[in-house]
C-alpha atoms as a PDB file:
ATOM      1  CA  UNK A   1      10.991  11.582  13.365  1.00  0.00           C
ATOM      2  CA  UNK A   2       7.540  10.171  12.738  1.00  0.00           C
ATOM      3  CA  UNK A   3       5.344   7.578  14.430  1.00  0.00           C
ATOM      4  CA  UNK A   4       4.115   4.809  12.144  1.00  0.00           C
ATOM      5  CA  UNK A   5       0.794   3.041  12.560  1.00  0.00           C
ATOM      6  CA  UNK A   6       1.480  -0.171  10.625  1.00  0.00           C
ATOM      7  CA  UNK A   7      -1.024  -1.699   8.249  1.00  0.00           C
ATOM      8  CA  UNK A   8      -2.664  -4.950   9.262  1.00  0.00           C
ATOM      9  CA  UNK A   9      -3.726  -6.245   5.840  1.00  0.00           C
ATOM     10  CA  UNK A  10      -2.759  -6.183   2.175  1.00  0.00           C
ATOM     11  CA  UNK A  11      -5.964  -4.388   1.189  1.00  0.00           C
ATOM     12  CA  UNK A  12      -5.477  -1.647   3.766  1.00  0.00           C
ATOM     13  CA  UNK A  13      -1.901  -1.035   2.621  1.00  0.00           C
ATOM     14  CA  UNK A  14      -2.473  -1.133  -1.142  1.00  0.00           C
ATOM     15  CA  UNK A  15      -5.424   1.269  -0.842  1.00  0.00           C
ATOM     16  CA  UNK A  16      -3.108   3.842   0.760  1.00  0.00           C
ATOM     17  CA  UNK A  17      -0.076   3.174  -1.439  1.00  0.00           C
ATOM     18  CA  UNK A  18      -1.766   3.049  -4.863  1.00  0.00           C
ATOM     19  CA  UNK A  19      -2.916   6.681  -4.701  1.00  0.00           C
ATOM     20  CA  UNK A  20      -1.794   8.211  -8.006  1.00  0.00           C
ATOM     21  CA  UNK A  21       0.786  10.570  -6.511  1.00  0.00           C
ATOM     22  CA  UNK A  22       0.613  14.336  -6.991  1.00  0.00           C
ATOM     23  CA  UNK A  23      -1.211  15.873  -9.950  1.00  0.00           C
ATOM     24  CA  UNK A  24       2.116  16.528 -11.666  1.00  0.00           C
ATOM     25  CA  UNK A  25       3.172  12.862 -11.476  1.00  0.00           C
ATOM     26  CA  UNK A  26       1.946  12.102 -14.979  1.00  0.00           C
ATOM     27  CA  UNK A  27       3.071   8.481 -14.996  1.00  0.00           C
ATOM     28  CA  UNK A  28       1.483   7.473 -11.677  1.00  0.00           C
ATOM     29  CA  UNK A  29      -2.152   6.401 -11.674  1.00  0.00           C
ATOM     30  CA  UNK A  30      -4.401   5.604  -8.742  1.00  0.00           C
ATOM     31  CA  UNK A  31      -5.808   2.090  -8.426  1.00  0.00           C
ATOM     32  CA  UNK A  32      -3.764   0.694 -11.313  1.00  0.00           C
ATOM     33  CA  UNK A  33      -2.248  -2.052  -9.177  1.00  0.00           C
ATOM     34  CA  UNK A  34       1.260  -0.553  -9.310  1.00  0.00           C
ATOM     35  CA  UNK A  35       2.994   1.489  -6.586  1.00  0.00           C
ATOM     36  CA  UNK A  36       5.493   4.106  -7.758  1.00  0.00           C
ATOM     37  CA  UNK A  37       8.030   6.103  -5.703  1.00  0.00           C
ATOM     38  CA  UNK A  38       5.867   9.234  -6.083  1.00  0.00           C
ATOM     39  CA  UNK A  39       2.865   7.440  -4.593  1.00  0.00           C
ATOM     40  CA  UNK A  40       4.798   6.061  -1.637  1.00  0.00           C
ATOM     41  CA  UNK A  41       6.405   9.461  -0.951  1.00  0.00           C
ATOM     42  CA  UNK A  42       2.964  10.969  -0.308  1.00  0.00           C
ATOM     43  CA  UNK A  43       2.294   8.488   2.494  1.00  0.00           C
ATOM     44  CA  UNK A  44       5.826   8.417   3.918  1.00  0.00           C
ATOM     45  CA  UNK A  45       6.438  12.169   3.956  1.00  0.00           C
ATOM     46  CA  UNK A  46      10.134  11.610   3.256  1.00  0.00           C
ATOM     47  CA  UNK A  47      10.482  13.691   0.103  1.00  0.00           C
ATOM     48  CA  UNK A  48      12.964  12.156  -2.293  1.00  0.00           C
ATOM     49  CA  UNK A  49      15.164  10.523   0.359  1.00  0.00           C
ATOM     50  CA  UNK A  50      15.149   6.951  -0.961  1.00  0.00           C
ATOM     51  CA  UNK A  51      16.753   5.365   2.093  1.00  0.00           C
ATOM     52  CA  UNK A  52      14.125   6.804   4.444  1.00  0.00           C
ATOM     53  CA  UNK A  53      11.364   5.951   1.957  1.00  0.00           C
ATOM     54  CA  UNK A  54      12.217   2.249   2.036  1.00  0.00           C
ATOM     55  CA  UNK A  55      12.595   2.321   5.817  1.00  0.00           C
ATOM     56  CA  UNK A  56       9.036   3.655   6.028  1.00  0.00           C
ATOM     57  CA  UNK A  57       7.758   1.010   3.619  1.00  0.00           C
ATOM     58  CA  UNK A  58       9.276  -1.890   5.544  1.00  0.00           C
ATOM     59  CA  UNK A  59       8.106  -0.639   8.941  1.00  0.00           C
ATOM     60  CA  UNK A  60       4.593   0.152   7.722  1.00  0.00           C
ATOM     61  CA  UNK A  61       4.039  -3.453   6.580  1.00  0.00           C
ATOM     62  CA  UNK A  62       6.010  -5.218   9.329  1.00  0.00           C
ATOM     63  CA  UNK A  63       2.890  -6.389  11.200  1.00  0.00           C
ATOM     64  CA  UNK A  64       1.339  -8.047   8.144  1.00  0.00           C
ATOM     65  CA  UNK A  65       1.734 -11.767   7.498  1.00  0.00           C
ATOM     66  CA  UNK A  66       4.485 -12.916   5.131  1.00  0.00           C
ATOM     67  CA  UNK A  67       2.154 -13.551   2.198  1.00  0.00           C
ATOM     68  CA  UNK A  68       0.602 -10.083   2.445  1.00  0.00           C
ATOM     69  CA  UNK A  69       4.034  -8.428   2.619  1.00  0.00           C
ATOM     70  CA  UNK A  70       5.147 -10.357  -0.463  1.00  0.00           C
ATOM     71  CA  UNK A  71       2.022  -9.223  -2.324  1.00  0.00           C
ATOM     72  CA  UNK A  72       2.834  -5.588  -1.511  1.00  0.00           C
ATOM     73  CA  UNK A  73       6.423  -5.964  -2.722  1.00  0.00           C
ATOM     74  CA  UNK A  74       5.129  -7.544  -5.931  1.00  0.00           C
ATOM     75  CA  UNK A  75       3.147  -4.344  -6.621  1.00  0.00           C
ATOM     76  CA  UNK A  76       6.195  -2.042  -6.509  1.00  0.00           C
ATOM     77  CA  UNK A  77       7.181  -0.690  -9.913  1.00  0.00           C
ATOM     78  CA  UNK A  78      10.636  -1.480 -11.298  1.00  0.00           C
ATOM     79  CA  UNK A  79      12.286   1.685  -9.993  1.00  0.00           C
ATOM     80  CA  UNK A  80      10.830   1.353  -6.515  1.00  0.00           C
ATOM     81  CA  UNK A  81      11.710  -2.346  -6.260  1.00  0.00           C
ATOM     82  CA  UNK A  82      15.331  -1.593  -7.210  1.00  0.00           C
ATOM     83  CA  UNK A  83      15.385   1.048  -4.476  1.00  0.00           C
ATOM     84  CA  UNK A  84      13.920  -1.478  -2.039  1.00  0.00           C
ATOM     85  CA  UNK A  85      16.638  -4.014  -2.846  1.00  0.00           C
ATOM     86  CA  UNK A  86      19.348  -1.381  -2.359  1.00  0.00           C
ATOM     87  CA  UNK A  87      18.117   0.149   0.903  1.00  0.00           C
ATOM     88  CA  UNK A  88      16.179  -2.665   2.574  1.00  0.00           C
ATOM     89  CA  UNK A  89      16.821  -2.214   6.326  1.00  0.00           C
ATOM     90  CA  UNK A  90      18.289  -4.984   8.466  1.00  0.00           C
ATOM     91  CA  UNK A  91      16.460  -5.979  11.649  1.00  0.00           C
ATOM     92  CA  UNK A  92      19.095  -6.345  14.375  1.00  0.00           C
ATOM     93  CA  UNK A  93      19.376  -6.823  18.111  1.00  0.00           C
ATOM     94  CA  UNK A  94      21.122  -4.429  20.462  1.00  0.00           C
ATOM     95  CA  UNK A  95      24.043  -6.876  20.712  1.00  0.00           C
ATOM     96  CA  UNK A  96      24.362  -7.004  16.920  1.00  0.00           C
ATOM     97  CA  UNK A  97      24.366  -3.212  16.698  1.00  0.00           C
ATOM     98  CA  UNK A  98      27.243  -3.087  19.183  1.00  0.00           C
ATOM     99  CA  UNK A  99      29.235  -5.817  17.463  1.00  0.00           C
ATOM    100  CA  UNK A 100      28.574  -5.233  13.768  1.00  0.00           C
ATOM    101  CA  UNK A 101      26.857  -1.878  13.288  1.00  0.00           C
ATOM    102  CA  UNK A 102      28.262   0.266  10.461  1.00  0.00           C
ATOM    103  CA  UNK A 103      27.578   3.946   9.709  1.00  0.00           C
ATOM    104  CA  UNK A 104      25.113   4.483   6.877  1.00  0.00           C
ATOM    105  CA  UNK A 105      23.253   1.202   7.397  1.00  0.00           C
ATOM    106  CA  UNK A 106      19.444   1.256   7.659  1.00  0.00           C
ATOM    107  CA  UNK A 107      18.264  -0.816  10.607  1.00  0.00           C
ATOM    108  CA  UNK A 108      15.268  -1.564  12.777  1.00  0.00           C
ATOM    109  CA  UNK A 109      15.551  -2.772  16.354  1.00  0.00           C
ATOM    110  CA  UNK A 110      13.318  -3.269  19.369  1.00  0.00           C
ATOM    111  CA  UNK A 111      13.902  -1.953  22.867  1.00  0.00           C
ATOM    112  CA  UNK A 112      12.822   0.473  25.560  1.00  0.00           C
ATOM    113  CA  UNK A 113      14.340   3.973  25.347  1.00  0.00           C
ATOM    114  CA  UNK A 114      15.345   5.926  28.441  1.00  0.00           C
ATOM    115  CA  UNK A 115      16.207   9.599  28.060  1.00  0.00           C
ATOM    116  CA  UNK A 116      19.644  10.483  29.409  1.00  0.00           C
ATOM    117  CA  UNK A 117      21.412  13.658  30.490  1.00  0.00           C
ATOM    118  CA  UNK A 118      22.322  16.304  27.934  1.00  0.00           C
ATOM    119  CA  UNK A 119      25.843  16.156  29.386  1.00  0.00           C
ATOM    120  CA  UNK A 120      26.453  12.924  27.462  1.00  0.00           C
ATOM    121  CA  UNK A 121      29.997  13.043  26.119  1.00  0.00           C
ATOM    122  CA  UNK A 122      30.179  12.518  22.396  1.00  0.00           C
ATOM    123  CA  UNK A 123      30.259  14.405  19.113  1.00  0.00           C
ATOM    124  CA  UNK A 124      28.617  13.919  15.744  1.00  0.00           C
ATOM    125  CA  UNK A 125      29.174  15.336  12.282  1.00  0.00           C
ATOM    126  CA  UNK A 126      26.523  17.865  11.257  1.00  0.00           C
ATOM    127  CA  UNK A 127      26.260  19.795   7.966  1.00  0.00           C
ATOM    128  CA  UNK A 128      27.217  23.478   8.124  1.00  0.00           C
ATOM    129  CA  UNK A 129      26.428  25.886   5.270  1.00  0.00           C
ATOM    130  CA  UNK A 130      29.108  28.536   4.710  1.00  0.00           C
ATOM    131  CA  UNK A 131      29.065  30.901   1.755  1.00  0.00           C
ATOM    132  CA  UNK A 132      26.786  28.711  -0.296  1.00  0.00           C
ATOM    133  CA  UNK A 133      28.877  25.600   0.333  1.00  0.00           C
ATOM    134  CA  UNK A 134      28.130  22.794   2.762  1.00  0.00           C
ATOM    135  CA  UNK A 135      30.824  21.331   4.988  1.00  0.00           C
ATOM    136  CA  UNK A 136      30.685  19.206   8.144  1.00  0.00           C
ATOM    137  CA  UNK A 137      31.666  20.022  11.716  1.00  0.00           C
ATOM    138  CA  UNK A 138      31.976  17.932  14.879  1.00  0.00           C
ATOM    139  CA  UNK A 139      29.571  19.209  17.531  1.00  0.00           C
ATOM    140  CA  UNK A 140      28.440  17.760  20.886  1.00  0.00           C
ATOM    141  CA  UNK A 141      25.664  15.293  20.179  1.00  0.00           C
ATOM    142  CA  UNK A 142      23.390  16.955  22.749  1.00  0.00           C
ATOM    143  CA  UNK A 143      23.362  20.202  20.731  1.00  0.00           C
ATOM    144  CA  UNK A 144      21.488  18.560  17.861  1.00  0.00           C
ATOM    145  CA  UNK A 145      19.816  15.452  19.280  1.00  0.00           C
ATOM    146  CA  UNK A 146      17.710  14.219  22.166  1.00  0.00           C
ATOM    147  CA  UNK A 147      19.593  11.112  23.302  1.00  0.00           C
ATOM    148  CA  UNK A 148      18.332   7.895  24.861  1.00  0.00           C
ATOM    149  CA  UNK A 149      19.806   4.627  26.029  1.00  0.00           C
ATOM    150  CA  UNK A 150      17.948   1.745  24.410  1.00  0.00           C
ATOM    151  CA  UNK A 151      17.453  -1.261  26.688  1.00  0.00           C
ATOM    152  CA  UNK A 152      16.584  -4.826  25.722  1.00  0.00           C
ATOM    153  CA  UNK A 153      14.371  -7.277  27.591  1.00  0.00           C
ATOM    154  CA  UNK A 154      16.964 -10.004  27.080  1.00  0.00           C
ATOM    155  CA  UNK A 155      20.332  -8.433  27.907  1.00  0.00           C
ATOM    156  CA  UNK A 156      21.889  -5.746  30.082  1.00  0.00           C
ATOM    157  CA  UNK A 157      23.559  -4.177  27.044  1.00  0.00           C
ATOM    158  CA  UNK A 158      22.449  -0.746  25.854  1.00  0.00           C
ATOM    159  CA  UNK A 159      23.022   1.411  22.786  1.00  0.00           C
ATOM    160  CA  UNK A 160      22.581   5.111  22.135  1.00  0.00           C
ATOM    161  CA  UNK A 161      19.733   6.304  19.931  1.00  0.00           C
ATOM    162  CA  UNK A 162      18.581   9.824  19.208  1.00  0.00           C
ATOM    163  CA  UNK A 163      16.370  12.129  17.209  1.00  0.00           C
ATOM    164  CA  UNK A 164      16.530  15.842  16.288  1.00  0.00           C
ATOM    165  CA  UNK A 165      15.537  18.204  19.082  1.00  0.00           C
ATOM    166  CA  UNK A 166      12.611  19.622  17.135  1.00  0.00           C
ATOM    167  CA  UNK A 167      10.816  16.242  17.344  1.00  0.00           C
ATOM    168  CA  UNK A 168       8.636  15.241  20.296  1.00  0.00           C
ATOM    169  CA  UNK A 169      10.210  12.973  22.905  1.00  0.00           C
ATOM    170  CA  UNK A 170       9.886   9.220  22.507  1.00  0.00           C
ATOM    171  CA  UNK A 171       7.545   7.373  24.873  1.00  0.00           C
ATOM    172  CA  UNK A 172       9.655   5.356  27.312  1.00  0.00           C
ATOM    173  CA  UNK A 173       8.087   1.975  26.618  1.00  0.00           C
ATOM    174  CA  UNK A 174       8.786  -0.925  24.287  1.00  0.00           C
ATOM    175  CA  UNK A 175       9.174   0.387  20.732  1.00  0.00           C
ATOM    176  CA  UNK A 176      10.367  -0.697  17.324  1.00  0.00           C
ATOM    177  CA  UNK A 177      12.770   1.970  16.067  1.00  0.00           C
ATOM    178  CA  UNK A 178      13.871   2.486  12.490  1.00  0.00           C
ATOM    179  CA  UNK A 179      16.734   4.686  11.432  1.00  0.00           C
ATOM    180  CA  UNK A 180      20.204   5.055  10.029  1.00  0.00           C
ATOM    181  CA  UNK A 181      23.382   4.262  11.958  1.00  0.00           C
ATOM    182  CA  UNK A 182      25.721   7.237  12.356  1.00  0.00           C
ATOM    183  CA  UNK A 183      29.253   7.711  13.657  1.00  0.00           C
ATOM    184  CA  UNK A 184      29.654   8.982  17.213  1.00  0.00           C
ATOM    185  CA  UNK A 185      33.019  10.236  18.473  1.00  0.00           C
ATOM    186  CA  UNK A 186      33.088   9.298  22.150  1.00  0.00           C
ATOM    187  CA  UNK A 187      35.463  10.246  24.971  1.00  0.00           C
ATOM    188  CA  UNK A 188      36.316   7.352  27.290  1.00  0.00           C
ATOM    189  CA  UNK A 189      37.244   7.551  30.988  1.00  0.00           C
ATOM    190  CA  UNK A 190      40.887   8.265  30.153  1.00  0.00           C
ATOM    191  CA  UNK A 191      39.749  11.202  27.972  1.00  0.00           C
ATOM    192  CA  UNK A 192      40.816   9.430  24.800  1.00  0.00           C
ATOM    193  CA  UNK A 193      38.648   9.731  21.723  1.00  0.00           C
ATOM    194  CA  UNK A 194      37.171   6.583  20.213  1.00  0.00           C
ATOM    195  CA  UNK A 195      34.748   6.028  17.375  1.00  0.00           C
ATOM    196  CA  UNK A 196      31.366   4.618  18.317  1.00  0.00           C
ATOM    197  CA  UNK A 197      27.953   4.472  16.741  1.00  0.00           C
ATOM    198  CA  UNK A 198      24.405   5.574  17.435  1.00  0.00           C
ATOM    199  CA  UNK A 199      21.042   5.212  15.735  1.00  0.00           C
ATOM    200  CA  UNK A 200      19.523   8.356  14.250  1.00  0.00           C
ATOM    201  CA  UNK A 201      15.813   7.558  14.551  1.00  0.00           C
ATOM    202  CA  UNK A 202      13.560   8.279  11.577  1.00  0.00           C
ATOM    203  CA  UNK A 203      10.458   6.286  12.542  1.00  0.00           C
ATOM    204  CA  UNK A 204       9.053   4.416  15.521  1.00  0.00           C
ATOM    205  CA  UNK A 205       6.034   2.289  16.296  1.00  0.00           C
ATOM    206  CA  UNK A 206       4.525   0.740  19.397  1.00  0.00           C
ATOM    207  CA  UNK A 207       5.688  -2.813  19.985  1.00  0.00           C
ATOM    208  CA  UNK A 208       3.361  -5.175  21.825  1.00  0.00           C
ATOM    209  CA  UNK A 209       4.806  -6.715  24.964  1.00  0.00           C
ATOM    210  CA  UNK A 210       5.178 -10.461  24.600  1.00  0.00           C
END
């Protein structure tokens, strides 16, 4: 999980994005007016994970005006723009996440996180490497993630969000979170299992109070 400090202008963003990539990226050139995946990866720190890369892009320019954002998107090369169209995150409310959230979807949403007990009942699928092969196992969510309830200013509804334990805790104030929705197997009061959803946070940024 990484904090994003969003760009405020087109010039600020394009100066960072149009960086030429690594020395071995022979087809990327600094200050040529075109932003390639290799160049954006340097700033995002996401490696070759395309879904996270686009999530970073969208959140890093979210505070710019519409015209400036459009100018940035116009500078993406063909490959990066196709990736953007495929993985562009949806900005949703807490209510929409509850009603229509689907695993695998990239989303951003605004709310105030509140850390909750590690005794939270629920399990998630995590990759397990055995004998050179990777399989998945259901483990208690608190073994792998720090979990928060996300609260809205406009409703009493809450959703669960979380990040890997090796990341620093989120500040408990109004934030814009970006991540990927994941399946959560919950146990209700009658001890029956039901499938829910939570947001695995990849990025966050401070959201000004209105």
